[in-house]
PDB file of N, CA and C in Angstrom:
ATOM      1  N   MET A   1       0.837  -1.179   0.000  1.00  0.00           N
ATOM      2  CA  MET A   1       0.000   0.000   0.000  1.00  0.00           C
ATOM      3  C   MET A   1       0.887   1.248   0.000  1.00  0.00           C
ATOM      4  N   ILE A   2       0.474   2.242  -0.762  1.00  0.00           N
ATOM      5  CA  ILE A   2       1.149   3.541  -0.731  1.00  0.00           C
ATOM      6  C   ILE A   2       0.543   4.332   0.412  1.00  0.00           C
ATOM      7  N   LYS A   3       1.403   4.858   1.256  1.00  0.00           N
ATOM      8  CA  LYS A   3       0.944   5.671   2.376  1.00  0.00           C
ATOM      9  C   LYS A   3       1.449   7.092   2.187  1.00  0.00           C
ATOM     10  N   VAL A   4       0.529   8.027   2.353  1.00  0.00           N
ATOM     11  CA  VAL A   4       0.843   9.448   2.243  1.00  0.00           C
ATOM     12  C   VAL A   4       0.590  10.057   3.613  1.00  0.00           C
ATOM     13  N   ASN A   5       1.621  10.604   4.218  1.00  0.00           N
ATOM     14  CA  ASN A   5       1.499  11.256   5.525  1.00  0.00           C
ATOM     15  C   ASN A   5       1.700  12.753   5.328  1.00  0.00           C
ATOM     16  N   ILE A   6       0.717  13.524   5.759  1.00  0.00           N
ATOM     17  CA  ILE A   6       0.751  14.981   5.609  1.00  0.00           C
ATOM     18  C   ILE A   6       0.764  15.594   6.994  1.00  0.00           C
ATOM     19  N   SER A   7       1.768  16.422   7.268  1.00  0.00           N
ATOM     20  CA  SER A   7       1.845  17.068   8.580  1.00  0.00           C
ATOM     21  C   SER A   7       0.699  18.050   8.760  1.00  0.00           C
ATOM     22  N   ARG A   8       0.392  18.327   9.999  1.00  0.00           N
ATOM     23  CA  ARG A   8      -0.730  19.210  10.342  1.00  0.00           C
ATOM     24  C   ARG A   8      -0.611  20.560   9.651  1.00  0.00           C
ATOM     25  N   ASP A   9       0.584  21.104   9.597  1.00  0.00           N
ATOM     26  CA  ASP A   9       0.789  22.431   9.019  1.00  0.00           C
ATOM     27  C   ASP A   9       1.131  22.374   7.527  1.00  0.00           C
ATOM     28  N   ASN A  10       1.039  21.189   6.931  1.00  0.00           N
ATOM     29  CA  ASN A  10       1.379  20.980   5.519  1.00  0.00           C
ATOM     30  C   ASN A  10       2.827  21.351   5.202  1.00  0.00           C
ATOM     31  N   ASN A  11       3.705  21.326   6.189  1.00  0.00           N
ATOM     32  CA  ASN A  11       5.110  21.638   5.938  1.00  0.00           C
ATOM     33  C   ASN A  11       5.904  20.425   5.480  1.00  0.00           C
ATOM     34  N   LYS A  12       5.367  19.226   5.705  1.00  0.00           N
ATOM     35  CA  LYS A  12       6.084  18.013   5.323  1.00  0.00           C
ATOM     36  C   LYS A  12       5.089  16.970   4.824  1.00  0.00           C
ATOM     37  N   ILE A  13       5.436  16.373   3.699  1.00  0.00           N
ATOM     38  CA  ILE A  13       4.612  15.318   3.107  1.00  0.00           C
ATOM     39  C   ILE A  13       5.541  14.154   2.779  1.00  0.00           C
ATOM     40  N   GLU A  14       5.175  12.970   3.256  1.00  0.00           N
ATOM     41  CA  GLU A  14       5.940  11.759   2.975  1.00  0.00           C
ATOM     42  C   GLU A  14       5.050  10.786   2.217  1.00  0.00           C
ATOM     43  N   ILE A  15       5.574  10.258   1.132  1.00  0.00           N
ATOM     44  CA  ILE A  15       4.871   9.273   0.336  1.00  0.00           C
ATOM     45  C   ILE A  15       5.779   8.055   0.262  1.00  0.00           C
ATOM     46  N   HIS A  16       5.281   6.892   0.709  1.00  0.00           N
ATOM     47  CA  HIS A  16       6.142   5.713   0.677  1.00  0.00           C
ATOM     48  C   HIS A  16       5.329   4.446   0.457  1.00  0.00           C
ATOM     49  N   GLY A  17       6.033   3.416   0.027  1.00  0.00           N
ATOM     50  CA  GLY A  17       5.421   2.119  -0.178  1.00  0.00           C
ATOM     51  C   GLY A  17       5.142   1.827  -1.636  1.00  0.00           C
ATOM     52  N   HIS A  18       4.512   0.682  -1.850  1.00  0.00           N
ATOM     53  CA  HIS A  18       4.121   0.244  -3.192  1.00  0.00           C
ATOM     54  C   HIS A  18       2.649  -0.142  -3.136  1.00  0.00           C
ATOM     55  N   SER A  19       1.905   0.201  -4.134  1.00  0.00           N
ATOM     56  CA  SER A  19       0.455  -0.011  -4.090  1.00  0.00           C
ATOM     57  C   SER A  19       0.060  -1.481  -4.143  1.00  0.00           C
ATOM     58  N   MET A  20       0.903  -2.313  -4.717  1.00  0.00           N
ATOM     59  CA  MET A  20       0.608  -3.742  -4.879  1.00  0.00           C
ATOM     60  C   MET A  20      -0.606  -3.980  -5.788  1.00  0.00           C
ATOM     61  N   TYR A  21      -0.925  -3.002  -6.615  1.00  0.00           N
ATOM     62  CA  TYR A  21      -2.026  -3.168  -7.572  1.00  0.00           C
ATOM     63  C   TYR A  21      -1.622  -4.146  -8.674  1.00  0.00           C
ATOM     64  N   SER A  22      -0.351  -4.071  -9.068  1.00  0.00           N
ATOM     65  CA  SER A  22       0.171  -4.944 -10.116  1.00  0.00           C
ATOM     66  C   SER A  22       1.665  -5.120  -9.884  1.00  0.00           C
ATOM     67  N   ASP A  23       2.327  -5.822 -10.776  1.00  0.00           N
ATOM     68  CA  ASP A  23       3.766  -6.053 -10.669  1.00  0.00           C
ATOM     69  C   ASP A  23       4.536  -4.741 -10.789  1.00  0.00           C
ATOM     70  N   PHE A  24       5.719  -4.705 -10.180  1.00  0.00           N
ATOM     71  CA  PHE A  24       6.594  -3.545 -10.318  1.00  0.00           C
ATOM     72  C   PHE A  24       6.814  -3.261 -11.797  1.00  0.00           C
ATOM     73  N   GLY A  25       6.743  -2.007 -12.164  1.00  0.00           N
ATOM     74  CA  GLY A  25       6.929  -1.603 -13.550  1.00  0.00           C
ATOM     75  C   GLY A  25       5.666  -1.645 -14.393  1.00  0.00           C
ATOM     76  N   LYS A  26       4.598  -2.245 -13.850  1.00  0.00           N
ATOM     77  CA  LYS A  26       3.337  -2.341 -14.587  1.00  0.00           C
ATOM     78  C   LYS A  26       2.176  -1.809 -13.759  1.00  0.00           C
ATOM     79  N   ASP A  27       2.483  -1.171 -12.660  1.00  0.00           N
ATOM     80  CA  ASP A  27       1.475  -0.763 -11.679  1.00  0.00           C
ATOM     81  C   ASP A  27       0.971   0.648 -11.981  1.00  0.00           C
ATOM     82  N   ILE A  28      -0.271   0.756 -12.453  1.00  0.00           N
ATOM     83  CA  ILE A  28      -0.813   2.066 -12.836  1.00  0.00           C
ATOM     84  C   ILE A  28      -1.064   2.962 -11.627  1.00  0.00           C
ATOM     85  N   VAL A  29      -1.312   2.374 -10.469  1.00  0.00           N
ATOM     86  CA  VAL A  29      -1.535   3.190  -9.267  1.00  0.00           C
ATOM     87  C   VAL A  29      -0.217   3.843  -8.852  1.00  0.00           C
ATOM     88  N   CYS A  30       0.847   3.059  -8.792  1.00  0.00           N
ATOM     89  CA  CYS A  30       2.163   3.625  -8.459  1.00  0.00           C
ATOM     90  C   CYS A  30       2.581   4.664  -9.499  1.00  0.00           C
ATOM     91  N   ALA A  31       2.338   4.367 -10.757  1.00  0.00           N
ATOM     92  CA  ALA A  31       2.690   5.310 -11.822  1.00  0.00           C
ATOM     93  C   ALA A  31       1.917   6.612 -11.676  1.00  0.00           C
ATOM     94  N   GLY A  32       0.636   6.512 -11.342  1.00  0.00           N
ATOM     95  CA  GLY A  32      -0.181   7.713 -11.158  1.00  0.00           C
ATOM     96  C   GLY A  32       0.310   8.552  -9.994  1.00  0.00           C
ATOM     97  N   VAL A  33       0.580   7.917  -8.866  1.00  0.00           N
ATOM     98  CA  VAL A  33       1.068   8.641  -7.693  1.00  0.00           C
ATOM     99  C   VAL A  33       2.422   9.273  -7.995  1.00  0.00           C
ATOM    100  N   SER A  34       3.325   8.518  -8.588  1.00  0.00           N
ATOM    101  CA  SER A  34       4.655   9.053  -8.926  1.00  0.00           C
ATOM    102  C   SER A  34       4.549  10.237  -9.873  1.00  0.00           C
ATOM    103  N   SER A  35       3.669  10.129 -10.851  1.00  0.00           N
ATOM    104  CA  SER A  35       3.478  11.217 -11.815  1.00  0.00           C
ATOM    105  C   SER A  35       2.980  12.489 -11.145  1.00  0.00           C
ATOM    106  N   VAL A  36       1.967  12.344 -10.301  1.00  0.00           N
ATOM    107  CA  VAL A  36       1.391  13.496  -9.608  1.00  0.00           C
ATOM    108  C   VAL A  36       2.446  14.173  -8.734  1.00  0.00           C
ATOM    109  N   VAL A  37       3.182  13.378  -7.978  1.00  0.00           N
ATOM    110  CA  VAL A  37       4.186  13.932  -7.052  1.00  0.00           C
ATOM    111  C   VAL A  37       5.337  14.574  -7.823  1.00  0.00           C
ATOM    112  N   THR A  38       5.849  13.874  -8.828  1.00  0.00           N
ATOM    113  CA  THR A  38       6.979  14.403  -9.598  1.00  0.00           C
ATOM    114  C   THR A  38       6.601  15.678 -10.342  1.00  0.00           C
ATOM    115  N   THR A  39       5.425  15.711 -10.941  1.00  0.00           N
ATOM    116  CA  THR A  39       4.966  16.904 -11.657  1.00  0.00           C
ATOM    117  C   THR A  39       4.831  18.088 -10.701  1.00  0.00           C
ATOM    118  N   THR A  40       4.303  17.840  -9.513  1.00  0.00           N
ATOM    119  CA  THR A  40       4.155  18.914  -8.523  1.00  0.00           C
ATOM    120  C   THR A  40       5.510  19.449  -8.090  1.00  0.00           C
ATOM    121  N   ILE A  41       6.427  18.554  -7.770  1.00  0.00           N
ATOM    122  CA  ILE A  41       7.771  18.972  -7.359  1.00  0.00           C
ATOM    123  C   ILE A  41       8.426  19.789  -8.467  1.00  0.00           C
ATOM    124  N   ASN A  42       8.390  19.287  -9.686  1.00  0.00           N
ATOM    125  CA  ASN A  42       9.010  20.003 -10.813  1.00  0.00           C
ATOM    126  C   ASN A  42       8.346  21.352 -11.056  1.00  0.00           C
ATOM    127  N   GLY A  43       7.026  21.414 -10.902  1.00  0.00           N
ATOM    128  CA  GLY A  43       6.312  22.680 -11.085  1.00  0.00           C
ATOM    129  C   GLY A  43       6.755  23.722 -10.073  1.00  0.00           C
ATOM    130  N   ILE A  44       6.836  23.319  -8.817  1.00  0.00           N
ATOM    131  CA  ILE A  44       7.260  24.261  -7.774  1.00  0.00           C
ATOM    132  C   ILE A  44       8.697  24.696  -8.002  1.00  0.00           C
ATOM    133  N   LEU A  45       9.574  23.742  -8.313  1.00  0.00           N
ATOM    134  CA  LEU A  45      10.988  24.077  -8.530  1.00  0.00           C
ATOM    135  C   LEU A  45      11.193  24.985  -9.733  1.00  0.00           C
ATOM    136  N   SER A  46      10.279  24.920 -10.706  1.00  0.00           N
ATOM    137  CA  SER A  46      10.420  25.782 -11.884  1.00  0.00           C
ATOM    138  C   SER A  46      10.222  27.254 -11.530  1.00  0.00           C
ATOM    139  N   PHE A  47       9.503  27.519 -10.445  1.00  0.00           N
ATOM    140  CA  PHE A  47       9.328  28.896  -9.981  1.00  0.00           C
ATOM    141  C   PHE A  47      10.500  29.347  -9.126  1.00  0.00           C
ATOM    142  N   ASN A  48      10.905  28.489  -8.195  1.00  0.00           N
ATOM    143  CA  ASN A  48      12.005  28.858  -7.300  1.00  0.00           C
ATOM    144  C   ASN A  48      12.489  27.595  -6.601  1.00  0.00           C
ATOM    145  N   LYS A  49      13.757  27.294  -6.752  1.00  0.00           N
ATOM    146  CA  LYS A  49      14.332  26.073  -6.184  1.00  0.00           C
ATOM    147  C   LYS A  49      14.389  26.093  -4.662  1.00  0.00           C
ATOM    148  N   ASP A  50      14.210  27.252  -4.051  1.00  0.00           N
ATOM    149  CA  ASP A  50      14.262  27.355  -2.597  1.00  0.00           C
ATOM    150  C   ASP A  50      12.890  27.191  -1.935  1.00  0.00           C
ATOM    151  N   PHE A  51      11.812  27.112  -2.722  1.00  0.00           N
ATOM    152  CA  PHE A  51      10.464  26.991  -2.145  1.00  0.00           C
ATOM    153  C   PHE A  51      10.276  25.682  -1.388  1.00  0.00           C
ATOM    154  N   ILE A  52      10.897  24.597  -1.898  1.00  0.00           N
ATOM    155  CA  ILE A  52      10.771  23.293  -1.243  1.00  0.00           C
ATOM    156  C   ILE A  52      12.120  22.593  -1.210  1.00  0.00           C
ATOM    157  N   SER A  53      12.224  21.617  -0.329  1.00  0.00           N
ATOM    158  CA  SER A  53      13.316  20.649  -0.326  1.00  0.00           C
ATOM    159  C   SER A  53      12.658  19.291  -0.512  1.00  0.00           C
ATOM    160  N   TYR A  54      13.328  18.393  -1.194  1.00  0.00           N
ATOM    161  CA  TYR A  54      12.739  17.065  -1.367  1.00  0.00           C
ATOM    162  C   TYR A  54      13.825  16.010  -1.457  1.00  0.00           C
ATOM    163  N   GLN A  55      13.418  14.809  -1.124  1.00  0.00           N
ATOM    164  CA  GLN A  55      14.284  13.643  -1.285  1.00  0.00           C
ATOM    165  C   GLN A  55      13.498  12.602  -2.062  1.00  0.00           C
ATOM    166  N   SER A  56      14.126  12.026  -3.038  1.00  0.00           N
ATOM    167  CA  SER A  56      13.532  10.927  -3.792  1.00  0.00           C
ATOM    168  C   SER A  56      14.381   9.706  -3.525  1.00  0.00           C
ATOM    169  N   LEU A  57      13.871   8.827  -2.669  1.00  0.00           N
ATOM    170  CA  LEU A  57      14.589   7.618  -2.294  1.00  0.00           C
ATOM    171  C   LEU A  57      13.994   6.431  -3.051  1.00  0.00           C
ATOM    172  N   LYS A  58      14.493   5.246  -2.807  1.00  0.00           N
ATOM    173  CA  LYS A  58      14.052   4.062  -3.555  1.00  0.00           C
ATOM    174  C   LYS A  58      12.535   3.895  -3.545  1.00  0.00           C
ATOM    175  N   ASP A  59      11.926   3.990  -2.386  1.00  0.00           N
ATOM    176  CA  ASP A  59      10.477   3.806  -2.312  1.00  0.00           C
ATOM    177  C   ASP A  59       9.817   4.895  -1.479  1.00  0.00           C
ATOM    178  N   LYS A  60      10.410   6.093  -1.518  1.00  0.00           N
ATOM    179  CA  LYS A  60       9.875   7.166  -0.685  1.00  0.00           C
ATOM    180  C   LYS A  60      10.201   8.536  -1.279  1.00  0.00           C
ATOM    181  N   PHE A  61       9.203   9.416  -1.241  1.00  0.00           N
ATOM    182  CA  PHE A  61       9.395  10.839  -1.521  1.00  0.00           C
ATOM    183  C   PHE A  61       9.177  11.574  -0.213  1.00  0.00           C
ATOM    184  N   ILE A  62      10.024  12.542   0.079  1.00  0.00           N
ATOM    185  CA  ILE A  62       9.817  13.425   1.215  1.00  0.00           C
ATOM    186  C   ILE A  62       9.866  14.847   0.686  1.00  0.00           C
ATOM    187  N   ILE A  63       8.795  15.586   0.916  1.00  0.00           N
ATOM    188  CA  ILE A  63       8.719  16.977   0.479  1.00  0.00           C
ATOM    189  C   ILE A  63       8.611  17.848   1.718  1.00  0.00           C
ATOM    190  N   GLU A  64       9.499  18.824   1.821  1.00  0.00           N
ATOM    191  CA  GLU A  64       9.442  19.798   2.908  1.00  0.00           C
ATOM    192  C   GLU A  64       9.263  21.173   2.300  1.00  0.00           C
ATOM    193  N   ILE A  65       8.248  21.882   2.783  1.00  0.00           N
ATOM    194  CA  ILE A  65       7.942  23.201   2.243  1.00  0.00           C
ATOM    195  C   ILE A  65       8.707  24.244   3.049  1.00  0.00           C
ATOM    196  N   ASN A  66       9.531  24.997   2.344  1.00  0.00           N
ATOM    197  CA  ASN A  66      10.363  26.026   2.974  1.00  0.00           C
ATOM    198  C   ASN A  66       9.711  27.393   2.942  1.00  0.00           C
ATOM    199  N   ASN A  67       8.816  27.602   1.979  1.00  0.00           N
ATOM    200  CA  ASN A  67       8.225  28.917   1.793  1.00  0.00           C
ATOM    201  C   ASN A  67       6.774  28.760   1.332  1.00  0.00           C
ATOM    202  N   HIS A  68       5.839  28.977   2.245  1.00  0.00           N
ATOM    203  CA  HIS A  68       4.429  28.944   1.854  1.00  0.00           C
ATOM    204  C   HIS A  68       4.101  30.250   1.137  1.00  0.00           C
ATOM    205  N   ASN A  69       3.550  30.117  -0.045  1.00  0.00           N
ATOM    206  CA  ASN A  69       3.061  31.261  -0.801  1.00  0.00           C
ATOM    207  C   ASN A  69       1.960  30.745  -1.718  1.00  0.00           C
ATOM    208  N   GLU A  70       1.371  31.609  -2.481  1.00  0.00           N
ATOM    209  CA  GLU A  70       0.222  31.221  -3.303  1.00  0.00           C
ATOM    210  C   GLU A  70       0.562  30.107  -4.292  1.00  0.00           C
ATOM    211  N   ILE A  71       1.719  30.198  -4.915  1.00  0.00           N
ATOM    212  CA  ILE A  71       2.120  29.186  -5.896  1.00  0.00           C
ATOM    213  C   ILE A  71       2.295  27.827  -5.227  1.00  0.00           C
ATOM    214  N   VAL A  72       3.113  27.794  -4.195  1.00  0.00           N
ATOM    215  CA  VAL A  72       3.403  26.534  -3.511  1.00  0.00           C
ATOM    216  C   VAL A  72       2.124  25.933  -2.935  1.00  0.00           C
ATOM    217  N   ASP A  73       1.368  26.737  -2.216  1.00  0.00           N
ATOM    218  CA  ASP A  73       0.162  26.223  -1.567  1.00  0.00           C
ATOM    219  C   ASP A  73      -0.865  25.711  -2.579  1.00  0.00           C
ATOM    220  N   THR A  74      -0.994  26.393  -3.708  1.00  0.00           N
ATOM    221  CA  THR A  74      -1.932  25.955  -4.738  1.00  0.00           C
ATOM    222  C   THR A  74      -1.482  24.633  -5.358  1.00  0.00           C
ATOM    223  N   LEU A  75      -0.205  24.527  -5.681  1.00  0.00           N
ATOM    224  CA  LEU A  75       0.293  23.291  -6.290  1.00  0.00           C
ATOM    225  C   LEU A  75       0.249  22.117  -5.314  1.00  0.00           C
ATOM    226  N   ILE A  76       0.580  22.357  -4.054  1.00  0.00           N
ATOM    227  CA  ILE A  76       0.519  21.292  -3.044  1.00  0.00           C
ATOM    228  C   ILE A  76      -0.934  20.869  -2.826  1.00  0.00           C
ATOM    229  N   LYS A  77      -1.836  21.830  -2.740  1.00  0.00           N
ATOM    230  CA  LYS A  77      -3.256  21.500  -2.560  1.00  0.00           C
ATOM    231  C   LYS A  77      -3.759  20.677  -3.746  1.00  0.00           C
ATOM    232  N   ASN A  78      -3.365  21.057  -4.953  1.00  0.00           N
ATOM    233  CA  ASN A  78      -3.744  20.310  -6.145  1.00  0.00           C
ATOM    234  C   ASN A  78      -3.189  18.887  -6.086  1.00  0.00           C
ATOM    235  N   MET A  79      -1.927  18.733  -5.673  1.00  0.00           N
ATOM    236  CA  MET A  79      -1.325  17.409  -5.556  1.00  0.00           C
ATOM    237  C   MET A  79      -2.113  16.543  -4.560  1.00  0.00           C
ATOM    238  N   ILE A  80      -2.443  17.119  -3.410  1.00  0.00           N
ATOM    239  CA  ILE A  80      -3.190  16.377  -2.392  1.00  0.00           C
ATOM    240  C   ILE A  80      -4.573  15.991  -2.924  1.00  0.00           C
ATOM    241  N   ASN A  81      -5.238  16.910  -3.624  1.00  0.00           N
ATOM    242  CA  ASN A  81      -6.550  16.608  -4.211  1.00  0.00           C
ATOM    243  C   ASN A  81      -6.453  15.450  -5.211  1.00  0.00           C
ATOM    244  N   MET A  82      -5.413  15.460  -6.028  1.00  0.00           N
ATOM    245  CA  MET A  82      -5.238  14.391  -7.009  1.00  0.00           C
ATOM    246  C   MET A  82      -4.932  13.062  -6.320  1.00  0.00           C
ATOM    247  N   LEU A  83      -4.106  13.096  -5.265  1.00  0.00           N
ATOM    248  CA  LEU A  83      -3.812  11.875  -4.511  1.00  0.00           C
ATOM    249  C   LEU A  83      -5.068  11.349  -3.814  1.00  0.00           C
ATOM    250  N   GLU A  84      -5.908  12.252  -3.317  1.00  0.00           N
ATOM    251  CA  GLU A  84      -7.169  11.841  -2.697  1.00  0.00           C
ATOM    252  C   GLU A  84      -8.091  11.176  -3.720  1.00  0.00           C
ATOM    253  N   GLN A  85      -8.060  11.658  -4.947  1.00  0.00           N
ATOM    254  CA  GLN A  85      -8.877  11.029  -5.999  1.00  0.00           C
ATOM    255  C   GLN A  85      -8.376   9.619  -6.294  1.00  0.00           C
ATOM    256  N   ILE A  86      -7.054   9.458  -6.341  1.00  0.00           N
ATOM    257  CA  ILE A  86      -6.491   8.117  -6.545  1.00  0.00           C
ATOM    258  C   ILE A  86      -6.863   7.215  -5.369  1.00  0.00           C
ATOM    259  N   GLU A  87      -6.787   7.755  -4.152  1.00  0.00           N
ATOM    260  CA  GLU A  87      -7.170   6.986  -2.963  1.00  0.00           C
ATOM    261  C   GLU A  87      -8.638   6.569  -3.046  1.00  0.00           C
ATOM    262  N   GLU A  88      -9.491   7.461  -3.503  1.00  0.00           N
ATOM    263  CA  GLU A  88     -10.914   7.147  -3.632  1.00  0.00           C
ATOM    264  C   GLU A  88     -11.146   6.030  -4.655  1.00  0.00           C
ATOM    265  N   ASP A  89     -10.401   6.079  -5.758  1.00  0.00           N
ATOM    266  CA  ASP A  89     -10.552   5.076  -6.813  1.00  0.00           C
ATOM    267  C   ASP A  89      -9.895   3.739  -6.457  1.00  0.00           C
ATOM    268  N   TYR A  90      -8.837   3.789  -5.624  1.00  0.00           N
ATOM    269  CA  TYR A  90      -8.073   2.585  -5.267  1.00  0.00           C
ATOM    270  C   TYR A  90      -7.852   2.534  -3.753  1.00  0.00           C
ATOM    271  N   PRO A  91      -8.926   2.389  -2.975  1.00  0.00           N
ATOM    272  CA  PRO A  91      -8.806   2.454  -1.510  1.00  0.00           C
ATOM    273  C   PRO A  91      -7.988   1.323  -0.892  1.00  0.00           C
ATOM    274  N   LYS A  92      -7.813   0.229  -1.599  1.00  0.00           N
ATOM    275  CA  LYS A  92      -6.998  -0.873  -1.085  1.00  0.00           C
ATOM    276  C   LYS A  92      -5.515  -0.658  -1.359  1.00  0.00           C
ATOM    277  N   ASN A  93      -5.192   0.383  -2.133  1.00  0.00           N
ATOM    278  CA  ASN A  93      -3.820   0.568  -2.582  1.00  0.00           C
ATOM    279  C   ASN A  93      -3.176   1.872  -2.137  1.00  0.00           C
ATOM    280  N   VAL A  94      -3.987   2.860  -1.740  1.00  0.00           N
ATOM    281  CA  VAL A  94      -3.470   4.169  -1.325  1.00  0.00           C
ATOM    282  C   VAL A  94      -4.200   4.604  -0.073  1.00  0.00           C
ATOM    283  N   LYS A  95      -3.448   5.075   0.898  1.00  0.00           N
ATOM    284  CA  LYS A  95      -4.025   5.590   2.148  1.00  0.00           C
ATOM    285  C   LYS A  95      -3.365   6.916   2.477  1.00  0.00           C
ATOM    286  N   ILE A  96      -4.182   7.946   2.655  1.00  0.00           N
ATOM    287  CA  ILE A  96      -3.692   9.275   3.035  1.00  0.00           C
ATOM    288  C   ILE A  96      -4.038   9.527   4.490  1.00  0.00           C
ATOM    289  N   ARG A  97      -3.038   9.989   5.231  1.00  0.00           N
ATOM    290  CA  ARG A  97      -3.242  10.305   6.640  1.00  0.00           C
ATOM    291  C   ARG A  97      -2.794  11.737   6.878  1.00  0.00           C
ATOM    292  N   LYS A  98      -3.698  12.532   7.398  1.00  0.00           N
ATOM    293  CA  LYS A  98      -3.387  13.909   7.742  1.00  0.00           C
ATOM    294  C   LYS A  98      -3.294  14.004   9.269  1.00  0.00           C
ATOM    295  N   GLU A  99      -2.165  14.519   9.753  1.00  0.00           N
ATOM    296  CA  GLU A  99      -2.007  14.672  11.191  1.00  0.00           C
ATOM    297  C   GLU A  99      -2.955  15.738  11.709  1.00  0.00           C
ATOM    298  N   ASN A 100      -3.488  15.510  12.878  1.00  0.00           N
ATOM    299  CA  ASN A 100      -4.400  16.490  13.489  1.00  0.00           C
ATOM    300  C   ASN A 100      -3.658  17.455  14.354  1.00  0.00           C
TER     301      ASN A 100
END
Protein backbone atom coordinates (compact mmCIF):
# COMPACT_ATOMS: atom_id res chain seq x y z
CA MET A 1 0.00 0.00 0.00
CA ILE A 2 1.15 3.54 -0.73
CA LYS A 3 0.94 5.67 2.38
CA VAL A 4 0.84 9.45 2.24
CA ASN A 5 1.50 11.26 5.52
CA ILE A 6 0.75 14.98 5.61
CA SER A 7 1.85 17.07 8.58
CA ARG A 8 -0.73 19.21 10.34
CA ASP A 9 0.79 22.43 9.02
CA ASN A 10 1.38 20.98 5.52
CA ASN A 11 5.11 21.64 5.94
CA LYS A 12 6.08 18.01 5.32
CA ILE A 13 4.61 15.32 3.11
CA GLU A 14 5.94 11.76 2.97
CA ILE A 15 4.87 9.27 0.34
CA HIS A 16 6.14 5.71 0.68
CA GLY A 17 5.42 2.12 -0.18
CA HIS A 18 4.12 0.24 -3.19
CA SER A 19 0.45 -0.01 -4.09
CA MET A 20 0.61 -3.74 -4.88
CA TYR A 21 -2.03 -3.17 -7.57
CA SER A 22 0.17 -4.94 -10.12
CA ASP A 23 3.77 -6.05 -10.67
CA PHE A 24 6.59 -3.54 -10.32
CA GLY A 25 6.93 -1.60 -13.55
CA LYS A 26 3.34 -2.34 -14.59
CA ASP A 27 1.48 -0.76 -11.68
CA ILE A 28 -0.81 2.07 -12.84
CA VAL A 29 -1.53 3.19 -9.27
CA CYS A 30 2.16 3.62 -8.46
CA ALA A 31 2.69 5.31 -11.82
CA GLY A 32 -0.18 7.71 -11.16
CA VAL A 33 1.07 8.64 -7.69
CA SER A 34 4.65 9.05 -8.93
CA SER A 35 3.48 11.22 -11.81
CA VAL A 36 1.39 13.50 -9.61
CA VAL A 37 4.19 13.93 -7.05
CA THR A 38 6.98 14.40 -9.60
CA THR A 39 4.97 16.90 -11.66
CA THR A 40 4.16 18.91 -8.52
CA ILE A 41 7.77 18.97 -7.36
CA ASN A 42 9.01 20.00 -10.81
CA GLY A 43 6.31 22.68 -11.09
CA ILE A 44 7.26 24.26 -7.77
CA LEU A 45 10.99 24.08 -8.53
CA SER A 46 10.42 25.78 -11.88
CA PHE A 47 9.33 28.90 -9.98
CA ASN A 48 12.00 28.86 -7.30
CA LYS A 49 14.33 26.07 -6.18
CA ASP A 50 14.26 27.35 -2.60
CA PHE A 51 10.46 26.99 -2.15
CA ILE A 52 10.77 23.29 -1.24
CA SER A 53 13.32 20.65 -0.33
CA TYR A 54 12.74 17.07 -1.37
CA GLN A 55 14.28 13.64 -1.29
CA SER A 56 13.53 10.93 -3.79
CA LEU A 57 14.59 7.62 -2.29
CA LYS A 58 14.05 4.06 -3.55
CA ASP A 59 10.48 3.81 -2.31
CA LYS A 60 9.87 7.17 -0.69
CA PHE A 61 9.40 10.84 -1.52
CA ILE A 62 9.82 13.42 1.22
CA ILE A 63 8.72 16.98 0.48
CA GLU A 64 9.44 19.80 2.91
CA ILE A 65 7.94 23.20 2.24
CA ASN A 66 10.36 26.03 2.97
CA ASN A 67 8.23 28.92 1.79
CA HIS A 68 4.43 28.94 1.85
CA ASN A 69 3.06 31.26 -0.80
CA GLU A 70 0.22 31.22 -3.30
CA ILE A 71 2.12 29.19 -5.90
CA VAL A 72 3.40 26.53 -3.51
CA ASP A 73 0.16 26.22 -1.57
CA THR A 74 -1.93 25.96 -4.74
CA LEU A 75 0.29 23.29 -6.29
CA ILE A 76 0.52 21.29 -3.04
CA LYS A 77 -3.26 21.50 -2.56
CA ASN A 78 -3.74 20.31 -6.14
CA MET A 79 -1.32 17.41 -5.56
CA ILE A 80 -3.19 16.38 -2.39
CA ASN A 81 -6.55 16.61 -4.21
CA MET A 82 -5.24 14.39 -7.01
CA LEU A 83 -3.81 11.87 -4.51
CA GLU A 84 -7.17 11.84 -2.70
CA GLN A 85 -8.88 11.03 -6.00
CA ILE A 86 -6.49 8.12 -6.54
CA GLU A 87 -7.17 6.99 -2.96
CA GLU A 88 -10.91 7.15 -3.63
CA ASP A 89 -10.55 5.08 -6.81
CA TYR A 90 -8.07 2.59 -5.27
CA PRO A 91 -8.81 2.45 -1.51
CA LYS A 92 -7.00 -0.87 -1.08
CA ASN A 93 -3.82 0.57 -2.58
CA VAL A 94 -3.47 4.17 -1.33
CA LYS A 95 -4.02 5.59 2.15
CA ILE A 96 -3.69 9.27 3.03
CA ARG A 97 -3.24 10.30 6.64
CA LYS A 98 -3.39 13.91 7.74
CA GLU A 99 -2.01 14.67 11.19
CA ASN A 100 -4.40 16.49 13.49
